Structure formats: structure tokens, C-alpha cells
Amino acid sequence: MLIMNPILQAQTNHKSIRQYTNKAIDEALLKQLIQSAQGAASSSFIQAYSLIQVTNKDNRQKIATLAGGQKWVGSAAEFLVICADLTRVEHCSLEQGLGELEGNTEHFIAATTDATFFAQNLMLGAESVGLGAVFIGGIRNDPEQVAELLNLPDQVYPIFGLCLGYPDAQPDLKPRLPVDVILHKDSYDNNRCAQDVKAYDAQMQKYYQSRGDNQKSSNWSEQTAAAVQKKKREHMLSFLQKRGFLKR
């Protein structure tokens, strides 16, 4: 039996919004959305994340440029930078006599997933009250400059940005991979990969050619291969290690 409720509907209908009206977001509403997003799951309840509300227009424009010319960073009502943050965790460890953090990969994963769970909750909550949003991974193009602009200390790194605002356009809904493609029973079935991708490519080709704006002749394979092979950001490892992450 299929069930549909407002939460499931909101999850299904998510679209990345990059065009916004000039309407401001009430500060009390923003704080309510943040507080609600804190209900997200947290590894061992360490809550290893922080976010920076970027209100300085010059810094917004600098980040927009660093992110590859993403002008919506400057035009959105709010721009937040989601950070993995182990500073409070390290403070607790020192206070309890257990020493400094040592850059363990496990701690990096825990902080990154904590921040991501929180961010997804924040986006879903924002959409539930009529706001639009888009994540900005482009801030990792030059994380050193972003960290300097935002005065981020060691044990903190910027994962991605989040634009929030009232939508001024409604893009077409992209079809996701079918559930039967991503769902495996008991063990991973790698034999079906090629046929699954081929079928999805055909579906996405139709979508790209038929959507109202920005029509193009492409498919999922072309878009995905370009996305991962042209955005390796090989500077990230050394940047993270300088910040105190991924040392062991």
C-alpha cells in the first residue's frame, strides 16, 4: 500500500532553486529552521557541525566567484556555509583528560556525516515553508580562501554552501534513478550495472530534450562522468590535513 503525506511529498518534489525573489527571510524563521534541523541524527550525539551565515556582500561575491561564478550565492536571501566542526569535541576530550584529537579518519567521517544530515534536514524544512534552496559544492574549489574569509579555525572545514530564498522560478523535476537500481537484497548485484545505466541514460536523454528551459542533448552517463572527472579537487587532501583531519 502506497502512502503519501506532506513529508514524503516534499522529499519527492525537491528541486534545486537558483532564482530568488527579493523577499527577505525573517530571522526568527531562519533560527526556527536551524533549530528544527538540529533534530537530525548525530554520530554518538557529538553534533560536530557549525554553519556560517554570510551576510557581508563582498564576501558573498568573493565566494560566488571562487565557486565558479555561481551568482545565486549573492542573490539568495540567505547564504550559509555548512562546516564539519570538531572544535567542541576536542575541547571535551581535553577537559576529560583524553588528549587532543589526532586527525583520525573515523572522526572526519563522523563530523562530515553529522553536518550533512543536519544540512539535508535544514533544506527539507526550508522547502516545507515555501523556500527554495540549492547546495553549493563549488566552495571546495578554493577552500583555503573560503576558510580565510570566514575565519575558520583548525578542526573546522567548509563542506558546502546553502542558498536559501523564495523561489522566482520552478525548474522541471529531474527523474531520479529507479528504486530497483539502488536497492540490492542481501548482497550487492554488480551484474546489472551496465543495463541499469543504459536504461536510465535513455530516460534522462528524453528529460533533457523535453524540459522547458536549458534543453540539451545529453544523458546521465555524460553528465556524471564529466562531474566527477573534471572536479577532482586534488587540493582537498592537503587542505584537510592542514586543518587537522585525515592524518591517520
C-alpha atoms as a PDB file:
ATOM      1  CA  MET A   1       0.000   0.000   0.000  1.00  0.00           C
ATOM      2  CA  LEU A   2       1.380   3.394  -1.015  1.00  0.00           C
ATOM      3  CA  ILE A   3       1.110   6.299   1.431  1.00  0.00           C
ATOM      4  CA  MET A   4       1.583   9.967   0.653  1.00  0.00           C
ATOM      5  CA  ASN A   5       1.948  12.699   3.280  1.00  0.00           C
ATOM      6  CA  PRO A   6       3.491  16.186   3.278  1.00  0.00           C
ATOM      7  CA  ILE A   7       6.981  14.958   4.237  1.00  0.00           C
ATOM      8  CA  LEU A   8       7.095  12.277   1.544  1.00  0.00           C
ATOM      9  CA  GLN A   9       5.688  14.740  -0.980  1.00  0.00           C
ATOM     10  CA  ALA A  10       8.343  17.329  -0.116  1.00  0.00           C
ATOM     11  CA  GLN A  11      11.129  14.766  -0.418  1.00  0.00           C
ATOM     12  CA  THR A  12       9.842  13.543  -3.776  1.00  0.00           C
ATOM     13  CA  ASN A  13       9.376  17.036  -5.198  1.00  0.00           C
ATOM     14  CA  HIS A  14      12.778  18.500  -4.299  1.00  0.00           C
ATOM     15  CA  LYS A  15      14.246  20.817  -6.954  1.00  0.00           C
ATOM     16  CA  SER A  16      17.415  22.880  -6.803  1.00  0.00           C
ATOM     17  CA  ILE A  17      16.342  26.547  -6.867  1.00  0.00           C
ATOM     18  CA  ARG A  18      18.790  29.137  -8.194  1.00  0.00           C
ATOM     19  CA  GLN A  19      16.484  32.091  -8.886  1.00  0.00           C
ATOM     20  CA  TYR A  20      15.005  34.033  -5.980  1.00  0.00           C
ATOM     21  CA  THR A  21      12.716  36.978  -5.344  1.00  0.00           C
ATOM     22  CA  ASN A  22      13.897  39.960  -3.300  1.00  0.00           C
ATOM     23  CA  LYS A  23      11.833  38.867  -0.290  1.00  0.00           C
ATOM     24  CA  ALA A  24      13.906  38.520   2.886  1.00  0.00           C
ATOM     25  CA  ILE A  25      13.685  35.544   5.222  1.00  0.00           C
ATOM     26  CA  ASP A  26      12.529  36.503   8.700  1.00  0.00           C
ATOM     27  CA  GLU A  27      15.399  35.990  11.176  1.00  0.00           C
ATOM     28  CA  ALA A  28      13.104  34.207  13.629  1.00  0.00           C
ATOM     29  CA  LEU A  29      12.034  31.785  10.889  1.00  0.00           C
ATOM     30  CA  LEU A  30      15.636  31.096   9.920  1.00  0.00           C
ATOM     31  CA  LYS A  31      16.543  30.293  13.512  1.00  0.00           C
ATOM     32  CA  GLN A  32      13.464  28.077  13.819  1.00  0.00           C
ATOM     33  CA  LEU A  33      14.510  26.163  10.704  1.00  0.00           C
ATOM     34  CA  ILE A  34      18.032  25.729  12.088  1.00  0.00           C
ATOM     35  CA  GLN A  35      16.706  24.532  15.433  1.00  0.00           C
ATOM     36  CA  SER A  36      14.388  22.058  13.730  1.00  0.00           C
ATOM     37  CA  ALA A  37      17.251  20.793  11.552  1.00  0.00           C
ATOM     38  CA  GLN A  38      19.223  20.020  14.712  1.00  0.00           C
ATOM     39  CA  GLY A  39      16.832  17.127  15.232  1.00  0.00           C
ATOM     40  CA  ALA A  40      18.884  15.225  12.643  1.00  0.00           C
ATOM     41  CA  ALA A  41      20.702  12.066  13.684  1.00  0.00           C
ATOM     42  CA  SER A  42      24.211  12.597  15.074  1.00  0.00           C
ATOM     43  CA  SER A  43      27.002  10.047  15.453  1.00  0.00           C
ATOM     44  CA  SER A  44      27.278   9.353  19.210  1.00  0.00           C
ATOM     45  CA  PHE A  45      25.466  12.699  19.653  1.00  0.00           C
ATOM     46  CA  ILE A  46      28.692  14.643  19.071  1.00  0.00           C
ATOM     47  CA  GLN A  47      26.855  17.250  16.905  1.00  0.00           C
ATOM     48  CA  ALA A  48      30.092  18.011  15.081  1.00  0.00           C
ATOM     49  CA  TYR A  49      28.939  20.818  12.802  1.00  0.00           C
ATOM     50  CA  SER A  50      28.574  24.582  12.629  1.00  0.00           C
ATOM     51  CA  LEU A  51      27.224  26.931   9.995  1.00  0.00           C
ATOM     52  CA  ILE A  52      28.263  30.423   8.982  1.00  0.00           C
ATOM     53  CA  GLN A  53      25.544  32.889   7.954  1.00  0.00           C
ATOM     54  CA  VAL A  54      27.336  35.034   5.364  1.00  0.00           C
ATOM     55  CA  THR A  55      25.760  38.500   5.344  1.00  0.00           C
ATOM     56  CA  ASN A  56      28.770  40.503   4.135  1.00  0.00           C
ATOM     57  CA  LYS A  57      28.021  41.282   0.471  1.00  0.00           C
ATOM     58  CA  ASP A  58      31.670  41.497  -0.555  1.00  0.00           C
ATOM     59  CA  ASN A  59      32.419  38.092   0.937  1.00  0.00           C
ATOM     60  CA  ARG A  60      29.359  36.643  -0.755  1.00  0.00           C
ATOM     61  CA  GLN A  61      30.569  37.901  -4.117  1.00  0.00           C
ATOM     62  CA  LYS A  62      34.071  36.554  -3.466  1.00  0.00           C
ATOM     63  CA  ILE A  63      32.646  33.135  -2.584  1.00  0.00           C
ATOM     64  CA  ALA A  64      30.375  33.215  -5.651  1.00  0.00           C
ATOM     65  CA  THR A  65      33.455  33.812  -7.812  1.00  0.00           C
ATOM     66  CA  LEU A  66      35.511  31.141  -6.044  1.00  0.00           C
ATOM     67  CA  ALA A  67      32.643  28.696  -6.518  1.00  0.00           C
ATOM     68  CA  GLY A  68      32.834  29.119 -10.284  1.00  0.00           C
ATOM     69  CA  GLY A  69      30.709  32.202 -10.871  1.00  0.00           C
ATOM     70  CA  GLN A  70      27.564  30.959  -9.143  1.00  0.00           C
ATOM     71  CA  LYS A  71      25.723  34.294  -8.981  1.00  0.00           C
ATOM     72  CA  TRP A  72      22.884  32.910  -6.833  1.00  0.00           C
ATOM     73  CA  VAL A  73      25.305  32.868  -3.900  1.00  0.00           C
ATOM     74  CA  GLY A  74      24.994  36.650  -3.960  1.00  0.00           C
ATOM     75  CA  SER A  75      21.328  36.916  -4.915  1.00  0.00           C
ATOM     76  CA  ALA A  76      19.807  34.442  -2.442  1.00  0.00           C
ATOM     77  CA  ALA A  77      18.123  35.888   0.640  1.00  0.00           C
ATOM     78  CA  GLU A  78      20.492  33.847   2.812  1.00  0.00           C
ATOM     79  CA  PHE A  79      23.761  32.073   2.146  1.00  0.00           C
ATOM     80  CA  LEU A  80      25.003  29.603   4.749  1.00  0.00           C
ATOM     81  CA  VAL A  81      28.238  27.638   4.800  1.00  0.00           C
ATOM     82  CA  ILE A  82      27.889  24.191   6.348  1.00  0.00           C
ATOM     83  CA  CYS A  83      31.022  23.132   8.229  1.00  0.00           C
ATOM     84  CA  ALA A  84      32.224  19.941   9.837  1.00  0.00           C
ATOM     85  CA  ASP A  85      33.425  21.139  13.245  1.00  0.00           C
ATOM     86  CA  LEU A  86      35.419  19.129  15.786  1.00  0.00           C
ATOM     87  CA  THR A  87      36.500  22.082  17.959  1.00  0.00           C
ATOM     88  CA  ARG A  88      33.906  21.415  20.668  1.00  0.00           C
ATOM     89  CA  VAL A  89      34.637  17.689  20.506  1.00  0.00           C
ATOM     90  CA  GLU A  90      38.363  18.319  21.014  1.00  0.00           C
ATOM     91  CA  HIS A  91      37.602  20.685  23.904  1.00  0.00           C
ATOM     92  CA  CYS A  92      35.599  17.935  25.622  1.00  0.00           C
ATOM     93  CA  SER A  93      38.387  15.432  25.041  1.00  0.00           C
ATOM     94  CA  LEU A  94      40.966  17.760  26.598  1.00  0.00           C
ATOM     95  CA  GLU A  95      38.695  18.620  29.528  1.00  0.00           C
ATOM     96  CA  GLN A  96      38.173  14.924  30.220  1.00  0.00           C
ATOM     97  CA  GLY A  97      41.917  14.236  30.161  1.00  0.00           C
ATOM     98  CA  LEU A  98      41.791  12.169  26.953  1.00  0.00           C
ATOM     99  CA  GLY A  99      44.102  14.415  24.938  1.00  0.00           C
ATOM    100  CA  GLU A 100      43.932  16.233  21.608  1.00  0.00           C
ATOM    101  CA  LEU A 101      42.268  14.768  18.554  1.00  0.00           C
ATOM    102  CA  GLU A 102      44.763  13.083  16.245  1.00  0.00           C
ATOM    103  CA  GLY A 103      43.184  13.503  12.838  1.00  0.00           C
ATOM    104  CA  ASN A 104      41.527  10.101  12.716  1.00  0.00           C
ATOM    105  CA  THR A 105      39.648   9.303   9.523  1.00  0.00           C
ATOM    106  CA  GLU A 106      36.728   7.993  11.587  1.00  0.00           C
ATOM    107  CA  HIS A 107      36.311  11.376  13.287  1.00  0.00           C
ATOM    108  CA  PHE A 108      36.381  13.096   9.887  1.00  0.00           C
ATOM    109  CA  ILE A 109      33.634  10.792   8.612  1.00  0.00           C
ATOM    110  CA  ALA A 110      31.530  11.294  11.743  1.00  0.00           C
ATOM    111  CA  ALA A 111      31.757  15.096  11.539  1.00  0.00           C
ATOM    112  CA  THR A 112      31.074  15.167   7.801  1.00  0.00           C
ATOM    113  CA  THR A 113      28.025  12.914   8.044  1.00  0.00           C
ATOM    114  CA  ASP A 114      26.727  14.837  11.071  1.00  0.00           C
ATOM    115  CA  ALA A 115      26.904  18.091   9.118  1.00  0.00           C
ATOM    116  CA  THR A 116      25.321  16.539   6.039  1.00  0.00           C
ATOM    117  CA  PHE A 117      22.380  15.049   7.961  1.00  0.00           C
ATOM    118  CA  PHE A 118      21.809  18.475   9.532  1.00  0.00           C
ATOM    119  CA  ALA A 119      22.034  20.250   6.170  1.00  0.00           C
ATOM    120  CA  GLN A 120      19.541  17.935   4.482  1.00  0.00           C
ATOM    121  CA  ASN A 121      17.127  18.465   7.368  1.00  0.00           C
ATOM    122  CA  LEU A 122      17.577  22.229   7.011  1.00  0.00           C
ATOM    123  CA  MET A 123      16.851  22.141   3.287  1.00  0.00           C
ATOM    124  CA  LEU A 124      13.755  19.970   3.741  1.00  0.00           C
ATOM    125  CA  GLY A 125      12.462  22.240   6.491  1.00  0.00           C
ATOM    126  CA  ALA A 126      13.053  25.323   4.352  1.00  0.00           C
ATOM    127  CA  GLU A 127      11.159  23.802   1.443  1.00  0.00           C
ATOM    128  CA  SER A 128       8.261  22.911   3.757  1.00  0.00           C
ATOM    129  CA  VAL A 129       7.640  26.628   4.429  1.00  0.00           C
ATOM    130  CA  GLY A 130       7.830  27.699   0.793  1.00  0.00           C
ATOM    131  CA  LEU A 131      11.533  28.463   0.473  1.00  0.00           C
ATOM    132  CA  GLY A 132      13.794  27.211  -2.294  1.00  0.00           C
ATOM    133  CA  ALA A 133      17.372  26.037  -1.848  1.00  0.00           C
ATOM    134  CA  VAL A 134      20.472  24.729  -3.561  1.00  0.00           C
ATOM    135  CA  PHE A 135      23.697  23.307  -2.160  1.00  0.00           C
ATOM    136  CA  ILE A 136      26.966  24.865  -3.370  1.00  0.00           C
ATOM    137  CA  GLY A 137      29.788  22.319  -3.557  1.00  0.00           C
ATOM    138  CA  GLY A 138      31.838  24.823  -5.552  1.00  0.00           C
ATOM    139  CA  ILE A 139      33.174  26.394  -2.346  1.00  0.00           C
ATOM    140  CA  ARG A 140      35.615  23.467  -2.338  1.00  0.00           C
ATOM    141  CA  ASN A 141      37.243  24.915  -5.485  1.00  0.00           C
ATOM    142  CA  ASP A 142      39.377  27.050  -3.181  1.00  0.00           C
ATOM    143  CA  PRO A 143      38.662  26.039   0.419  1.00  0.00           C
ATOM    144  CA  GLU A 144      41.732  27.898   1.707  1.00  0.00           C
ATOM    145  CA  GLN A 145      40.315  31.267   0.666  1.00  0.00           C
ATOM    146  CA  VAL A 146      36.823  30.380   1.888  1.00  0.00           C
ATOM    147  CA  ALA A 147      38.226  29.324   5.270  1.00  0.00           C
ATOM    148  CA  GLU A 148      40.231  32.560   5.469  1.00  0.00           C
ATOM    149  CA  LEU A 149      37.220  34.718   4.570  1.00  0.00           C
ATOM    150  CA  LEU A 150      35.126  33.029   7.255  1.00  0.00           C
ATOM    151  CA  ASN A 151      37.914  32.880   9.859  1.00  0.00           C
ATOM    152  CA  LEU A 152      37.571  29.120  10.285  1.00  0.00           C
ATOM    153  CA  PRO A 153      39.944  27.612  12.890  1.00  0.00           C
ATOM    154  CA  ASP A 154      41.685  24.231  12.737  1.00  0.00           C
ATOM    155  CA  GLN A 155      39.362  21.238  13.185  1.00  0.00           C
ATOM    156  CA  VAL A 156      36.751  23.023  11.039  1.00  0.00           C
ATOM    157  CA  TYR A 157      36.320  22.727   7.274  1.00  0.00           C
ATOM    158  CA  PRO A 158      33.660  24.062   4.862  1.00  0.00           C
ATOM    159  CA  ILE A 159      31.804  21.163   3.219  1.00  0.00           C
ATOM    160  CA  PHE A 160      29.356  23.077   1.033  1.00  0.00           C
ATOM    161  CA  GLY A 161      27.254  26.207   0.937  1.00  0.00           C
ATOM    162  CA  LEU A 162      23.469  26.525   1.040  1.00  0.00           C
ATOM    163  CA  CYS A 163      21.455  29.213  -0.754  1.00  0.00           C
ATOM    164  CA  LEU A 164      18.000  29.919   0.666  1.00  0.00           C
ATOM    165  CA  GLY A 165      15.298  32.215  -0.663  1.00  0.00           C
ATOM    166  CA  TYR A 166      11.781  32.495  -2.000  1.00  0.00           C
ATOM    167  CA  PRO A 167      11.688  30.904  -5.492  1.00  0.00           C
ATOM    168  CA  ASP A 168      11.358  33.098  -8.557  1.00  0.00           C
ATOM    169  CA  ALA A 169      11.280  30.115 -10.940  1.00  0.00           C
ATOM    170  CA  GLN A 170      10.289  26.452 -10.848  1.00  0.00           C
ATOM    171  CA  PRO A 171      12.602  24.186 -12.846  1.00  0.00           C
ATOM    172  CA  ASP A 172      11.448  20.817 -14.128  1.00  0.00           C
ATOM    173  CA  LEU A 173      11.712  17.883 -11.743  1.00  0.00           C
ATOM    174  CA  LYS A 174      14.603  15.588 -12.632  1.00  0.00           C
ATOM    175  CA  PRO A 175      13.769  11.868 -12.647  1.00  0.00           C
ATOM    176  CA  ARG A 176      15.904  10.001 -10.124  1.00  0.00           C
ATOM    177  CA  LEU A 177      17.404   6.548 -10.537  1.00  0.00           C
ATOM    178  CA  PRO A 178      14.668   3.892 -10.182  1.00  0.00           C
ATOM    179  CA  VAL A 179      14.421   2.347  -6.707  1.00  0.00           C
ATOM    180  CA  ASP A 180      15.184  -1.111  -8.110  1.00  0.00           C
ATOM    181  CA  VAL A 181      18.521   0.222  -9.370  1.00  0.00           C
ATOM    182  CA  ILE A 182      19.783   1.425  -5.996  1.00  0.00           C
ATOM    183  CA  LEU A 183      18.108  -1.285  -3.862  1.00  0.00           C
ATOM    184  CA  HIS A 184      20.014  -4.554  -3.500  1.00  0.00           C
ATOM    185  CA  LYS A 185      18.703  -7.516  -1.496  1.00  0.00           C
ATOM    186  CA  ASP A 186      21.070  -9.391   0.829  1.00  0.00           C
ATOM    187  CA  SER A 187      24.147  -8.776  -1.337  1.00  0.00           C
ATOM    188  CA  TYR A 188      25.349  -6.297  -3.948  1.00  0.00           C
ATOM    189  CA  ASP A 189      24.493  -7.301  -7.523  1.00  0.00           C
ATOM    190  CA  ASN A 190      27.089  -5.740  -9.812  1.00  0.00           C
ATOM    191  CA  ASN A 191      25.995  -7.745 -12.868  1.00  0.00           C
ATOM    192  CA  ARG A 192      23.143  -5.352 -13.660  1.00  0.00           C
ATOM    193  CA  CYS A 193      25.137  -2.091 -13.624  1.00  0.00           C
ATOM    194  CA  ALA A 194      25.551  -1.719 -17.393  1.00  0.00           C
ATOM    195  CA  GLN A 195      21.908  -2.381 -18.243  1.00  0.00           C
ATOM    196  CA  ASP A 196      20.649  -0.164 -15.403  1.00  0.00           C
ATOM    197  CA  VAL A 197      22.783   2.765 -16.562  1.00  0.00           C
ATOM    198  CA  LYS A 198      21.782   2.266 -20.198  1.00  0.00           C
ATOM    199  CA  ALA A 199      18.053   2.365 -19.333  1.00  0.00           C
ATOM    200  CA  TYR A 200      18.493   5.429 -17.114  1.00  0.00           C
ATOM    201  CA  ASP A 201      20.531   7.190 -19.804  1.00  0.00           C
ATOM    202  CA  ALA A 202      17.611   6.810 -22.201  1.00  0.00           C
ATOM    203  CA  GLN A 203      15.226   8.242 -19.604  1.00  0.00           C
ATOM    204  CA  MET A 204      17.479  11.215 -18.861  1.00  0.00           C
ATOM    205  CA  GLN A 205      18.080  11.892 -22.563  1.00  0.00           C
ATOM    206  CA  LYS A 206      14.316  12.339 -23.007  1.00  0.00           C
ATOM    207  CA  TYR A 207      14.190  14.574 -19.939  1.00  0.00           C
ATOM    208  CA  TYR A 208      16.997  16.879 -21.127  1.00  0.00           C
ATOM    209  CA  GLN A 209      15.444  17.215 -24.574  1.00  0.00           C
ATOM    210  CA  SER A 210      11.914  17.900 -23.319  1.00  0.00           C
ATOM    211  CA  ARG A 211      12.372  20.206 -20.344  1.00  0.00           C
ATOM    212  CA  GLY A 212      11.140  23.779 -20.576  1.00  0.00           C
ATOM    213  CA  ASP A 213      14.467  25.551 -20.010  1.00  0.00           C
ATOM    214  CA  ASN A 214      18.059  24.701 -20.935  1.00  0.00           C
ATOM    215  CA  GLN A 215      17.251  21.864 -23.330  1.00  0.00           C
ATOM    216  CA  LYS A 216      20.268  19.810 -24.382  1.00  0.00           C
ATOM    217  CA  SER A 217      21.223  16.531 -25.974  1.00  0.00           C
ATOM    218  CA  SER A 218      22.886  14.579 -23.186  1.00  0.00           C
ATOM    219  CA  ASN A 219      22.334  11.738 -20.749  1.00  0.00           C
ATOM    220  CA  TRP A 220      23.202  10.770 -17.195  1.00  0.00           C
ATOM    221  CA  SER A 221      26.453   8.998 -18.083  1.00  0.00           C
ATOM    222  CA  GLU A 222      27.847  12.057 -19.877  1.00  0.00           C
ATOM    223  CA  GLN A 223      26.847  14.428 -17.090  1.00  0.00           C
ATOM    224  CA  THR A 224      28.087  12.153 -14.302  1.00  0.00           C
ATOM    225  CA  ALA A 225      31.426  11.272 -15.879  1.00  0.00           C
ATOM    226  CA  ALA A 226      32.165  14.950 -16.527  1.00  0.00           C
ATOM    227  CA  ALA A 227      31.091  15.914 -12.996  1.00  0.00           C
ATOM    228  CA  VAL A 228      33.442  13.516 -11.239  1.00  0.00           C
ATOM    229  CA  GLN A 229      36.404  13.543 -13.640  1.00  0.00           C
ATOM    230  CA  LYS A 230      36.537  17.327 -14.032  1.00  0.00           C
ATOM    231  CA  LYS A 231      36.016  18.107 -10.345  1.00  0.00           C
ATOM    232  CA  LYS A 232      38.671  16.025  -8.626  1.00  0.00           C
ATOM    233  CA  ARG A 233      39.778  18.921  -6.408  1.00  0.00           C
ATOM    234  CA  GLU A 234      43.016  17.159  -5.553  1.00  0.00           C
ATOM    235  CA  HIS A 235      43.964  20.028  -3.251  1.00  0.00           C
ATOM    236  CA  MET A 236      41.351  18.847  -0.738  1.00  0.00           C
ATOM    237  CA  LEU A 237      43.513  16.202   0.946  1.00  0.00           C
ATOM    238  CA  SER A 238      46.355  18.566   1.827  1.00  0.00           C
ATOM    239  CA  PHE A 239      43.859  21.258   2.855  1.00  0.00           C
ATOM    240  CA  LEU A 240      42.056  18.869   5.201  1.00  0.00           C
ATOM    241  CA  GLN A 241      45.314  17.586   6.681  1.00  0.00           C
ATOM    242  CA  LYS A 242      46.414  21.167   7.418  1.00  0.00           C
ATOM    243  CA  ARG A 243      43.110  21.629   9.249  1.00  0.00           C
ATOM    244  CA  GLY A 244      43.774  18.608  11.450  1.00  0.00           C
ATOM    245  CA  PHE A 245      41.767  15.986   9.551  1.00  0.00           C
ATOM    246  CA  LEU A 246      42.718  12.697   7.839  1.00  0.00           C
ATOM    247  CA  LYS A 247      46.118  12.255   9.436  1.00  0.00           C
ATOM    248  CA  ARG A 248      45.593   8.621  10.418  1.00  0.00           C
END
